[in-house]
Amino acid sequence: MEELIRTNNVVTLSFVGSLLKEAGIQHFIADENMSVLEGSINALSRRMLVDASRIDEARRLVEGAGLGDVLKQPGL
């Protein structure tokens, strides 16, 4: 799996998750339960991961929705 986005914004995560689900792209949100350890101060970002074979398609969907600025840049 490859990282698509990394954010603390739960609305963005939900929206991108909906886009991916509608397109039939399975995804996983890593670090979602870390808020228990951090005390809910949003210091740790959540990462949305998608299958490596569909990462390009997922990136195009997110960019098409006007959220290209939240995408993880390749190679970083």
PDB file of N, CA and C in Angstrom:
ATOM      1  N   MET A   1       0.849  -1.176   0.000  1.00  0.00           N
ATOM      2  CA  MET A   1       0.000   0.000   0.000  1.00  0.00           C
ATOM      3  C   MET A   1       0.894   1.238   0.000  1.00  0.00           C
ATOM      4  N   GLU A   2       0.387   2.302  -0.622  1.00  0.00           N
ATOM      5  CA  GLU A   2       1.122   3.552  -0.682  1.00  0.00           C
ATOM      6  C   GLU A   2       0.293   4.673  -0.075  1.00  0.00           C
ATOM      7  N   GLU A   3       0.985   5.635   0.500  1.00  0.00           N
ATOM      8  CA  GLU A   3       0.331   6.767   1.135  1.00  0.00           C
ATOM      9  C   GLU A   3      -0.204   7.721   0.081  1.00  0.00           C
ATOM     10  N   LEU A   4      -1.486   8.032   0.186  1.00  0.00           N
ATOM     11  CA  LEU A   4      -2.126   8.979  -0.719  1.00  0.00           C
ATOM     12  C   LEU A   4      -2.154  10.370  -0.110  1.00  0.00           C
ATOM     13  N   ILE A   5      -2.638  10.460   1.125  1.00  0.00           N
ATOM     14  CA  ILE A   5      -2.664  11.748   1.827  1.00  0.00           C
ATOM     15  C   ILE A   5      -2.279  11.544   3.287  1.00  0.00           C
ATOM     16  N   ARG A   6      -1.881  12.654   3.914  1.00  0.00           N
ATOM     17  CA  ARG A   6      -1.574  12.681   5.340  1.00  0.00           C
ATOM     18  C   ARG A   6      -2.153  13.983   5.872  1.00  0.00           C
ATOM     19  N   THR A   7      -3.103  13.877   6.805  1.00  0.00           N
ATOM     20  CA  THR A   7      -3.771  15.065   7.299  1.00  0.00           C
ATOM     21  C   THR A   7      -4.379  14.812   8.678  1.00  0.00           C
ATOM     22  N   ASN A   8      -4.665  15.898   9.373  1.00  0.00           N
ATOM     23  CA  ASN A   8      -5.415  15.840  10.628  1.00  0.00           C
ATOM     24  C   ASN A   8      -6.884  16.169  10.401  1.00  0.00           C
ATOM     25  N   ASN A   9      -7.222  16.596   9.191  1.00  0.00           N
ATOM     26  CA  ASN A   9      -8.569  17.037   8.873  1.00  0.00           C
ATOM     27  C   ASN A   9      -9.469  15.830   8.598  1.00  0.00           C
ATOM     28  N   VAL A  10     -10.357  15.538   9.545  1.00  0.00           N
ATOM     29  CA  VAL A  10     -11.217  14.367   9.411  1.00  0.00           C
ATOM     30  C   VAL A  10     -12.243  14.538   8.298  1.00  0.00           C
ATOM     31  N   VAL A  11     -12.617  15.762   7.989  1.00  0.00           N
ATOM     32  CA  VAL A  11     -13.555  16.014   6.898  1.00  0.00           C
ATOM     33  C   VAL A  11     -12.899  15.655   5.562  1.00  0.00           C
ATOM     34  N   THR A  12     -11.643  16.066   5.399  1.00  0.00           N
ATOM     35  CA  THR A  12     -10.905  15.726   4.181  1.00  0.00           C
ATOM     36  C   THR A  12     -10.762  14.215   4.054  1.00  0.00           C
ATOM     37  N   LEU A  13     -10.418  13.549   5.132  1.00  0.00           N
ATOM     38  CA  LEU A  13     -10.290  12.092   5.111  1.00  0.00           C
ATOM     39  C   LEU A  13     -11.608  11.427   4.711  1.00  0.00           C
ATOM     40  N   SER A  14     -12.690  11.910   5.265  1.00  0.00           N
ATOM     41  CA  SER A  14     -13.995  11.348   4.958  1.00  0.00           C
ATOM     42  C   SER A  14     -14.374  11.577   3.500  1.00  0.00           C
ATOM     43  N   PHE A  15     -14.137  12.779   3.009  1.00  0.00           N
ATOM     44  CA  PHE A  15     -14.478  13.107   1.625  1.00  0.00           C
ATOM     45  C   PHE A  15     -13.659  12.271   0.646  1.00  0.00           C
ATOM     46  N   VAL A  16     -12.358  12.218   0.866  1.00  0.00           N
ATOM     47  CA  VAL A  16     -11.493  11.429  -0.019  1.00  0.00           C
ATOM     48  C   VAL A  16     -11.870   9.950   0.079  1.00  0.00           C
ATOM     49  N   GLY A  17     -12.174   9.493   1.273  1.00  0.00           N
ATOM     50  CA  GLY A  17     -12.613   8.110   1.441  1.00  0.00           C
ATOM     51  C   GLY A  17     -13.874   7.813   0.640  1.00  0.00           C
ATOM     52  N   SER A  18     -14.799   8.765   0.607  1.00  0.00           N
ATOM     53  CA  SER A  18     -16.031   8.597  -0.172  1.00  0.00           C
ATOM     54  C   SER A  18     -15.737   8.537  -1.664  1.00  0.00           C
ATOM     55  N   LEU A  19     -14.831   9.408  -2.125  1.00  0.00           N
ATOM     56  CA  LEU A  19     -14.439   9.397  -3.539  1.00  0.00           C
ATOM     57  C   LEU A  19     -13.864   8.036  -3.921  1.00  0.00           C
ATOM     58  N   LEU A  20     -12.971   7.538  -3.077  1.00  0.00           N
ATOM     59  CA  LEU A  20     -12.326   6.260  -3.360  1.00  0.00           C
ATOM     60  C   LEU A  20     -13.326   5.110  -3.329  1.00  0.00           C
ATOM     61  N   LYS A  21     -14.208   5.123  -2.355  1.00  0.00           N
ATOM     62  CA  LYS A  21     -15.208   4.058  -2.236  1.00  0.00           C
ATOM     63  C   LYS A  21     -16.103   4.037  -3.468  1.00  0.00           C
ATOM     64  N   GLU A  22     -16.526   5.212  -3.906  1.00  0.00           N
ATOM     65  CA  GLU A  22     -17.390   5.303  -5.079  1.00  0.00           C
ATOM     66  C   GLU A  22     -16.695   4.755  -6.333  1.00  0.00           C
ATOM     67  N   ALA A  23     -15.372   4.930  -6.398  1.00  0.00           N
ATOM     68  CA  ALA A  23     -14.597   4.447  -7.540  1.00  0.00           C
ATOM     69  C   ALA A  23     -14.180   2.991  -7.379  1.00  0.00           C
ATOM     70  N   GLY A  24     -14.520   2.388  -6.250  1.00  0.00           N
ATOM     71  CA  GLY A  24     -14.164   0.992  -6.016  1.00  0.00           C
ATOM     72  C   GLY A  24     -12.712   0.790  -5.634  1.00  0.00           C
ATOM     73  N   ILE A  25     -12.088   1.834  -5.096  1.00  0.00           N
ATOM     74  CA  ILE A  25     -10.689   1.752  -4.674  1.00  0.00           C
ATOM     75  C   ILE A  25     -10.657   1.549  -3.162  1.00  0.00           C
ATOM     76  N   GLN A  26     -10.171   0.401  -2.738  1.00  0.00           N
ATOM     77  CA  GLN A  26     -10.079   0.141  -1.307  1.00  0.00           C
ATOM     78  C   GLN A  26      -9.000   1.019  -0.686  1.00  0.00           C
ATOM     79  N   HIS A  27      -9.260   1.456   0.529  1.00  0.00           N
ATOM     80  CA  HIS A  27      -8.298   2.304   1.226  1.00  0.00           C
ATOM     81  C   HIS A  27      -8.277   1.933   2.704  1.00  0.00           C
ATOM     82  N   PHE A  28      -7.252   2.407   3.350  1.00  0.00           N
ATOM     83  CA  PHE A  28      -7.054   2.144   4.775  1.00  0.00           C
ATOM     84  C   PHE A  28      -6.530   3.421   5.421  1.00  0.00           C
ATOM     85  N   ILE A  29      -7.091   3.791   6.562  1.00  0.00           N
ATOM     86  CA  ILE A  29      -6.608   4.974   7.278  1.00  0.00           C
ATOM     87  C   ILE A  29      -5.732   4.501   8.424  1.00  0.00           C
ATOM     88  N   ALA A  30      -4.446   4.780   8.297  1.00  0.00           N
ATOM     89  CA  ALA A  30      -3.476   4.393   9.319  1.00  0.00           C
ATOM     90  C   ALA A  30      -3.386   5.499  10.370  1.00  0.00           C
ATOM     91  N   ASP A  31      -3.051   5.131  11.560  1.00  0.00           N
ATOM     92  CA  ASP A  31      -2.859   6.055  12.684  1.00  0.00           C
ATOM     93  C   ASP A  31      -4.168   6.705  13.137  1.00  0.00           C
ATOM     94  N   GLU A  32      -5.292   6.132  12.745  1.00  0.00           N
ATOM     95  CA  GLU A  32      -6.586   6.712  13.093  1.00  0.00           C
ATOM     96  C   GLU A  32      -6.837   6.722  14.600  1.00  0.00           C
ATOM     97  N   ASN A  33      -6.345   5.723  15.293  1.00  0.00           N
ATOM     98  CA  ASN A  33      -6.604   5.622  16.729  1.00  0.00           C
ATOM     99  C   ASN A  33      -5.481   6.195  17.586  1.00  0.00           C
ATOM    100  N   MET A  34      -4.534   6.864  16.980  1.00  0.00           N
ATOM    101  CA  MET A  34      -3.429   7.448  17.738  1.00  0.00           C
ATOM    102  C   MET A  34      -3.888   8.588  18.645  1.00  0.00           C
ATOM    103  N   SER A  35      -5.071   9.161  18.359  1.00  0.00           N
ATOM    104  CA  SER A  35      -5.564  10.253  19.197  1.00  0.00           C
ATOM    105  C   SER A  35      -5.739   9.814  20.643  1.00  0.00           C
ATOM    106  N   VAL A  36      -5.936   8.515  20.865  1.00  0.00           N
ATOM    107  CA  VAL A  36      -6.051   7.995  22.227  1.00  0.00           C
ATOM    108  C   VAL A  36      -4.739   8.217  22.972  1.00  0.00           C
ATOM    109  N   LEU A  37      -3.632   8.014  22.280  1.00  0.00           N
ATOM    110  CA  LEU A  37      -2.321   8.172  22.894  1.00  0.00           C
ATOM    111  C   LEU A  37      -1.878   9.627  22.995  1.00  0.00           C
ATOM    112  N   GLU A  38      -2.282  10.440  22.017  1.00  0.00           N
ATOM    113  CA  GLU A  38      -1.824  11.820  21.980  1.00  0.00           C
ATOM    114  C   GLU A  38      -2.728  12.769  22.757  1.00  0.00           C
ATOM    115  N   GLY A  39      -3.848  12.295  23.245  1.00  0.00           N
ATOM    116  CA  GLY A  39      -4.736  13.138  24.018  1.00  0.00           C
ATOM    117  C   GLY A  39      -5.653  13.999  23.167  1.00  0.00           C
ATOM    118  N   SER A  40      -5.922  13.585  21.951  1.00  0.00           N
ATOM    119  CA  SER A  40      -6.835  14.277  21.033  1.00  0.00           C
ATOM    120  C   SER A  40      -6.422  15.710  20.725  1.00  0.00           C
ATOM    121  N   ILE A  41      -5.122  15.959  20.642  1.00  0.00           N
ATOM    122  CA  ILE A  41      -4.655  17.314  20.310  1.00  0.00           C
ATOM    123  C   ILE A  41      -4.298  17.443  18.836  1.00  0.00           C
ATOM    124  N   ASN A  42      -4.553  16.383  18.058  1.00  0.00           N
ATOM    125  CA  ASN A  42      -4.282  16.368  16.617  1.00  0.00           C
ATOM    126  C   ASN A  42      -2.826  16.631  16.273  1.00  0.00           C
ATOM    127  N   ALA A  43      -1.919  16.170  17.088  1.00  0.00           N
ATOM    128  CA  ALA A  43      -0.493  16.338  16.803  1.00  0.00           C
ATOM    129  C   ALA A  43      -0.011  15.322  15.774  1.00  0.00           C
ATOM    130  N   LEU A  44      -0.664  14.179  15.718  1.00  0.00           N
ATOM    131  CA  LEU A  44      -0.264  13.136  14.781  1.00  0.00           C
ATOM    132  C   LEU A  44      -1.247  13.070  13.616  1.00  0.00           C
ATOM    133  N   SER A  45      -0.723  13.136  12.425  1.00  0.00           N
ATOM    134  CA  SER A  45      -1.566  13.070  11.227  1.00  0.00           C
ATOM    135  C   SER A  45      -2.005  11.646  10.961  1.00  0.00           C
ATOM    136  N   ARG A  46      -3.142  11.538  10.318  1.00  0.00           N
ATOM    137  CA  ARG A  46      -3.625  10.243   9.866  1.00  0.00           C
ATOM    138  C   ARG A  46      -3.211  10.085   8.412  1.00  0.00           C
ATOM    139  N   ARG A  47      -2.917   8.859   8.014  1.00  0.00           N
ATOM    140  CA  ARG A  47      -2.471   8.584   6.645  1.00  0.00           C
ATOM    141  C   ARG A  47      -3.490   7.713   5.939  1.00  0.00           C
ATOM    142  N   MET A  48      -3.864   8.111   4.730  1.00  0.00           N
ATOM    143  CA  MET A  48      -4.748   7.293   3.926  1.00  0.00           C
ATOM    144  C   MET A  48      -3.893   6.533   2.922  1.00  0.00           C
ATOM    145  N   LEU A  49      -4.009   5.217   2.963  1.00  0.00           N
ATOM    146  CA  LEU A  49      -3.219   4.345   2.109  1.00  0.00           C
ATOM    147  C   LEU A  49      -4.125   3.658   1.092  1.00  0.00           C
ATOM    148  N   VAL A  50      -3.602   3.490  -0.117  1.00  0.00           N
ATOM    149  CA  VAL A  50      -4.322   2.756  -1.156  1.00  0.00           C
ATOM    150  C   VAL A  50      -3.367   1.744  -1.783  1.00  0.00           C
ATOM    151  N   ASP A  51      -3.923   0.765  -2.453  1.00  0.00           N
ATOM    152  CA  ASP A  51      -3.111  -0.249  -3.116  1.00  0.00           C
ATOM    153  C   ASP A  51      -2.205   0.419  -4.141  1.00  0.00           C
ATOM    154  N   ALA A  52      -0.966  -0.012  -4.196  1.00  0.00           N
ATOM    155  CA  ALA A  52       0.025   0.598  -5.086  1.00  0.00           C
ATOM    156  C   ALA A  52      -0.404   0.539  -6.546  1.00  0.00           C
ATOM    157  N   SER A  53      -1.149  -0.482  -6.924  1.00  0.00           N
ATOM    158  CA  SER A  53      -1.571  -0.623  -8.316  1.00  0.00           C
ATOM    159  C   SER A  53      -2.634   0.394  -8.720  1.00  0.00           C
ATOM    160  N   ARG A  54      -3.248   1.068  -7.726  1.00  0.00           N
ATOM    161  CA  ARG A  54      -4.310   2.033  -8.030  1.00  0.00           C
ATOM    162  C   ARG A  54      -3.986   3.434  -7.528  1.00  0.00           C
ATOM    163  N   ILE A  55      -2.729   3.655  -7.121  1.00  0.00           N
ATOM    164  CA  ILE A  55      -2.365   4.955  -6.554  1.00  0.00           C
ATOM    165  C   ILE A  55      -2.529   6.084  -7.577  1.00  0.00           C
ATOM    166  N   ASP A  56      -2.163   5.842  -8.824  1.00  0.00           N
ATOM    167  CA  ASP A  56      -2.290   6.893  -9.840  1.00  0.00           C
ATOM    168  C   ASP A  56      -3.748   7.262 -10.079  1.00  0.00           C
ATOM    169  N   GLU A  57      -4.607   6.263 -10.128  1.00  0.00           N
ATOM    170  CA  GLU A  57      -6.043   6.510 -10.297  1.00  0.00           C
ATOM    171  C   GLU A  57      -6.600   7.292  -9.107  1.00  0.00           C
ATOM    172  N   ALA A  58      -6.181   6.920  -7.910  1.00  0.00           N
ATOM    173  CA  ALA A  58      -6.637   7.611  -6.704  1.00  0.00           C
ATOM    174  C   ALA A  58      -6.168   9.066  -6.705  1.00  0.00           C
ATOM    175  N   ARG A  59      -4.919   9.291  -7.118  1.00  0.00           N
ATOM    176  CA  ARG A  59      -4.393  10.661  -7.194  1.00  0.00           C
ATOM    177  C   ARG A  59      -5.201  11.502  -8.174  1.00  0.00           C
ATOM    178  N   ARG A  60      -5.551  10.922  -9.320  1.00  0.00           N
ATOM    179  CA  ARG A  60      -6.343  11.659 -10.313  1.00  0.00           C
ATOM    180  C   ARG A  60      -7.716  12.022  -9.761  1.00  0.00           C
ATOM    181  N   LEU A  61      -8.330  11.107  -9.015  1.00  0.00           N
ATOM    182  CA  LEU A  61      -9.638  11.381  -8.410  1.00  0.00           C
ATOM    183  C   LEU A  61      -9.567  12.552  -7.436  1.00  0.00           C
ATOM    184  N   VAL A  62      -8.546  12.534  -6.590  1.00  0.00           N
ATOM    185  CA  VAL A  62      -8.394  13.593  -5.590  1.00  0.00           C
ATOM    186  C   VAL A  62      -8.102  14.931  -6.278  1.00  0.00           C
ATOM    187  N   GLU A  63      -7.235  14.915  -7.267  1.00  0.00           N
ATOM    188  CA  GLU A  63      -6.939  16.141  -8.010  1.00  0.00           C
ATOM    189  C   GLU A  63      -8.179  16.659  -8.725  1.00  0.00           C
ATOM    190  N   GLY A  64      -8.967  15.758  -9.307  1.00  0.00           N
ATOM    191  CA  GLY A  64     -10.191  16.137 -10.001  1.00  0.00           C
ATOM    192  C   GLY A  64     -11.227  16.757  -9.080  1.00  0.00           C
ATOM    193  N   ALA A  65     -11.166  16.408  -7.802  1.00  0.00           N
ATOM    194  CA  ALA A  65     -12.090  16.967  -6.814  1.00  0.00           C
ATOM    195  C   ALA A  65     -11.580  18.289  -6.253  1.00  0.00           C
ATOM    196  N   GLY A  66     -10.446  18.770  -6.775  1.00  0.00           N
ATOM    197  CA  GLY A  66      -9.907  20.053  -6.318  1.00  0.00           C
ATOM    198  C   GLY A  66      -9.094  19.973  -5.045  1.00  0.00           C
ATOM    199  N   LEU A  67      -8.641  18.776  -4.681  1.00  0.00           N
ATOM    200  CA  LEU A  67      -7.892  18.604  -3.440  1.00  0.00           C
ATOM    201  C   LEU A  67      -6.451  18.182  -3.693  1.00  0.00           C
ATOM    202  N   GLY A  68      -5.915  18.554  -4.832  1.00  0.00           N
ATOM    203  CA  GLY A  68      -4.553  18.177  -5.162  1.00  0.00           C
ATOM    204  C   GLY A  68      -3.530  18.637  -4.156  1.00  0.00           C
ATOM    205  N   ASP A  69      -3.847  19.720  -3.428  1.00  0.00           N
ATOM    206  CA  ASP A  69      -2.905  20.255  -2.439  1.00  0.00           C
ATOM    207  C   ASP A  69      -2.725  19.353  -1.230  1.00  0.00           C
ATOM    208  N   VAL A  70      -3.639  18.409  -0.999  1.00  0.00           N
ATOM    209  CA  VAL A  70      -3.499  17.512   0.163  1.00  0.00           C
ATOM    210  C   VAL A  70      -2.767  16.220  -0.176  1.00  0.00           C
ATOM    211  N   LEU A  71      -2.514  15.991  -1.469  1.00  0.00           N
ATOM    212  CA  LEU A  71      -1.844  14.762  -1.876  1.00  0.00           C
ATOM    213  C   LEU A  71      -0.396  14.716  -1.399  1.00  0.00           C
ATOM    214  N   LYS A  72       0.034  13.539  -1.012  1.00  0.00           N
ATOM    215  CA  LYS A  72       1.433  13.344  -0.690  1.00  0.00           C
ATOM    216  C   LYS A  72       2.218  13.399  -1.991  1.00  0.00           C
ATOM    217  N   GLN A  73       3.265  14.173  -2.009  1.00  0.00           N
ATOM    218  CA  GLN A  73       4.074  14.289  -3.204  1.00  0.00           C
ATOM    219  C   GLN A  73       4.916  13.039  -3.371  1.00  0.00           C
ATOM    220  N   PRO A  74       4.951  12.499  -4.583  1.00  0.00           N
ATOM    221  CA  PRO A  74       5.742  11.280  -4.831  1.00  0.00           C
ATOM    222  C   PRO A  74       7.208  11.501  -4.463  1.00  0.00           C
ATOM    223  N   GLY A  75       7.793  10.502  -3.850  1.00  0.00           N
ATOM    224  CA  GLY A  75       9.198  10.565  -3.485  1.00  0.00           C
ATOM    225  C   GLY A  75       9.471  11.224  -2.145  1.00  0.00           C
ATOM    226  N   LEU A  76       8.451  11.736  -1.494  1.00  0.00           N
ATOM    227  CA  LEU A  76       8.657  12.377  -0.174  1.00  0.00           C
ATOM    228  C   LEU A  76       8.232  11.450   0.934  1.00  0.00           C
TER     229      LEU A  76
END
